[in-house]
């Protein structure tokens, strides 16, 4: 049984995830890939509190994503 993808906004701090899908149009996909994020990339959620941006780490770089962008990233949970 394959794991089901969930939105990045539901992932708690300290969890590793793999980007499953970019849910958005060309502009969104262009912006997110310009930040270095793409389908298949493993990232770690550094900070996800009830308010403010979600901070993730990918390839040794920390990236702050607004809630709107984070809701358009579908991910697979890898570990806590």
C-alpha atoms as a PDB file:
ATOM      1  CA  UNK A   1       0.000   0.000   0.000  1.00  0.00           C
ATOM      2  CA  UNK A   2       1.524   3.318  -1.018  1.00  0.00           C
ATOM      3  CA  UNK A   3       1.504   6.217   1.426  1.00  0.00           C
ATOM      4  CA  UNK A   4      -1.044   8.923   0.803  1.00  0.00           C
ATOM      5  CA  UNK A   5       0.096  12.444   0.085  1.00  0.00           C
ATOM      6  CA  UNK A   6      -0.888  15.246   2.471  1.00  0.00           C
ATOM      7  CA  UNK A   7      -0.467  19.012   2.428  1.00  0.00           C
ATOM      8  CA  UNK A   8       2.753  20.523   3.761  1.00  0.00           C
ATOM      9  CA  UNK A   9       0.739  22.732   6.151  1.00  0.00           C
ATOM     10  CA  UNK A  10      -0.258  19.623   8.163  1.00  0.00           C
ATOM     11  CA  UNK A  11       3.326  18.482   8.829  1.00  0.00           C
ATOM     12  CA  UNK A  12       4.893  19.194  12.217  1.00  0.00           C
ATOM     13  CA  UNK A  13       8.367  20.616  12.796  1.00  0.00           C
ATOM     14  CA  UNK A  14      11.250  18.150  12.596  1.00  0.00           C
ATOM     15  CA  UNK A  15       9.592  15.885  10.020  1.00  0.00           C
ATOM     16  CA  UNK A  16      11.228  14.800   6.765  1.00  0.00           C
ATOM     17  CA  UNK A  17       8.973  14.702   3.722  1.00  0.00           C
ATOM     18  CA  UNK A  18       9.238  14.100  -0.006  1.00  0.00           C
ATOM     19  CA  UNK A  19       7.466  16.494  -2.368  1.00  0.00           C
ATOM     20  CA  UNK A  20       4.770  14.502  -4.171  1.00  0.00           C
ATOM     21  CA  UNK A  21       2.962  17.119  -6.225  1.00  0.00           C
ATOM     22  CA  UNK A  22       2.835  20.839  -6.952  1.00  0.00           C
ATOM     23  CA  UNK A  23      -0.813  21.899  -6.873  1.00  0.00           C
ATOM     24  CA  UNK A  24      -1.018  25.099  -8.881  1.00  0.00           C
ATOM     25  CA  UNK A  25      -0.628  26.814 -12.193  1.00  0.00           C
ATOM     26  CA  UNK A  26       2.420  27.733 -14.240  1.00  0.00           C
ATOM     27  CA  UNK A  27       3.212  30.848 -12.206  1.00  0.00           C
ATOM     28  CA  UNK A  28       3.222  28.944  -8.920  1.00  0.00           C
ATOM     29  CA  UNK A  29       5.292  26.089 -10.362  1.00  0.00           C
ATOM     30  CA  UNK A  30       7.763  28.566 -11.822  1.00  0.00           C
ATOM     31  CA  UNK A  31       8.188  30.363  -8.472  1.00  0.00           C
ATOM     32  CA  UNK A  32       8.550  27.193  -6.436  1.00  0.00           C
ATOM     33  CA  UNK A  33      11.093  25.630  -8.802  1.00  0.00           C
ATOM     34  CA  UNK A  34      13.066  28.894  -8.831  1.00  0.00           C
ATOM     35  CA  UNK A  35      13.415  28.373  -5.052  1.00  0.00           C
ATOM     36  CA  UNK A  36      14.918  24.945  -5.744  1.00  0.00           C
ATOM     37  CA  UNK A  37      11.873  22.896  -4.763  1.00  0.00           C
ATOM     38  CA  UNK A  38      10.571  20.200  -7.114  1.00  0.00           C
ATOM     39  CA  UNK A  39       8.687  16.897  -7.124  1.00  0.00           C
ATOM     40  CA  UNK A  40      10.783  14.124  -5.601  1.00  0.00           C
ATOM     41  CA  UNK A  41      12.924  16.413  -3.426  1.00  0.00           C
ATOM     42  CA  UNK A  42      13.312  15.420   0.236  1.00  0.00           C
ATOM     43  CA  UNK A  43      12.926  18.368   2.607  1.00  0.00           C
ATOM     44  CA  UNK A  44      12.816  18.802   6.382  1.00  0.00           C
ATOM     45  CA  UNK A  45      10.195  20.979   8.046  1.00  0.00           C
ATOM     46  CA  UNK A  46      12.162  23.211  10.411  1.00  0.00           C
ATOM     47  CA  UNK A  47       9.317  25.391  11.685  1.00  0.00           C
ATOM     48  CA  UNK A  48       5.557  25.034  11.377  1.00  0.00           C
ATOM     49  CA  UNK A  49       3.621  26.896  14.009  1.00  0.00           C
ATOM     50  CA  UNK A  50       0.007  28.008  13.957  1.00  0.00           C
ATOM     51  CA  UNK A  51       0.907  31.340  12.352  1.00  0.00           C
ATOM     52  CA  UNK A  52       3.573  32.677  10.050  1.00  0.00           C
ATOM     53  CA  UNK A  53       5.618  31.042   7.338  1.00  0.00           C
ATOM     54  CA  UNK A  54       6.641  27.408   7.224  1.00  0.00           C
ATOM     55  CA  UNK A  55      10.417  27.084   7.194  1.00  0.00           C
ATOM     56  CA  UNK A  56      11.848  24.087   5.356  1.00  0.00           C
ATOM     57  CA  UNK A  57      15.398  22.946   4.679  1.00  0.00           C
ATOM     58  CA  UNK A  58      16.412  21.519   1.319  1.00  0.00           C
ATOM     59  CA  UNK A  59      19.967  20.755   0.235  1.00  0.00           C
ATOM     60  CA  UNK A  60      21.350  22.628   3.254  1.00  0.00           C
ATOM     61  CA  UNK A  61      19.364  25.807   2.522  1.00  0.00           C
ATOM     62  CA  UNK A  62      16.457  27.100   4.616  1.00  0.00           C
ATOM     63  CA  UNK A  63      13.458  28.468   2.761  1.00  0.00           C
ATOM     64  CA  UNK A  64      10.468  30.308   4.275  1.00  0.00           C
ATOM     65  CA  UNK A  65       7.198  29.535   2.517  1.00  0.00           C
ATOM     66  CA  UNK A  66       4.011  31.480   3.099  1.00  0.00           C
ATOM     67  CA  UNK A  67       0.884  29.578   4.090  1.00  0.00           C
ATOM     68  CA  UNK A  68      -0.627  30.008   0.619  1.00  0.00           C
ATOM     69  CA  UNK A  69       2.337  28.392  -1.121  1.00  0.00           C
ATOM     70  CA  UNK A  70       2.577  25.681   1.529  1.00  0.00           C
ATOM     71  CA  UNK A  71      -1.038  24.682   0.896  1.00  0.00           C
ATOM     72  CA  UNK A  72      -0.107  23.957  -2.725  1.00  0.00           C
ATOM     73  CA  UNK A  73       2.626  21.452  -1.861  1.00  0.00           C
ATOM     74  CA  UNK A  74       1.518  17.844  -1.496  1.00  0.00           C
ATOM     75  CA  UNK A  75       4.069  15.659   0.334  1.00  0.00           C
ATOM     76  CA  UNK A  76       4.738  12.143   1.610  1.00  0.00           C
ATOM     77  CA  UNK A  77       5.818  11.852   5.258  1.00  0.00           C
ATOM     78  CA  UNK A  78       9.157   9.994   5.544  1.00  0.00           C
ATOM     79  CA  UNK A  79      10.020  10.193   9.250  1.00  0.00           C
ATOM     80  CA  UNK A  80       9.716  12.320  12.382  1.00  0.00           C
END
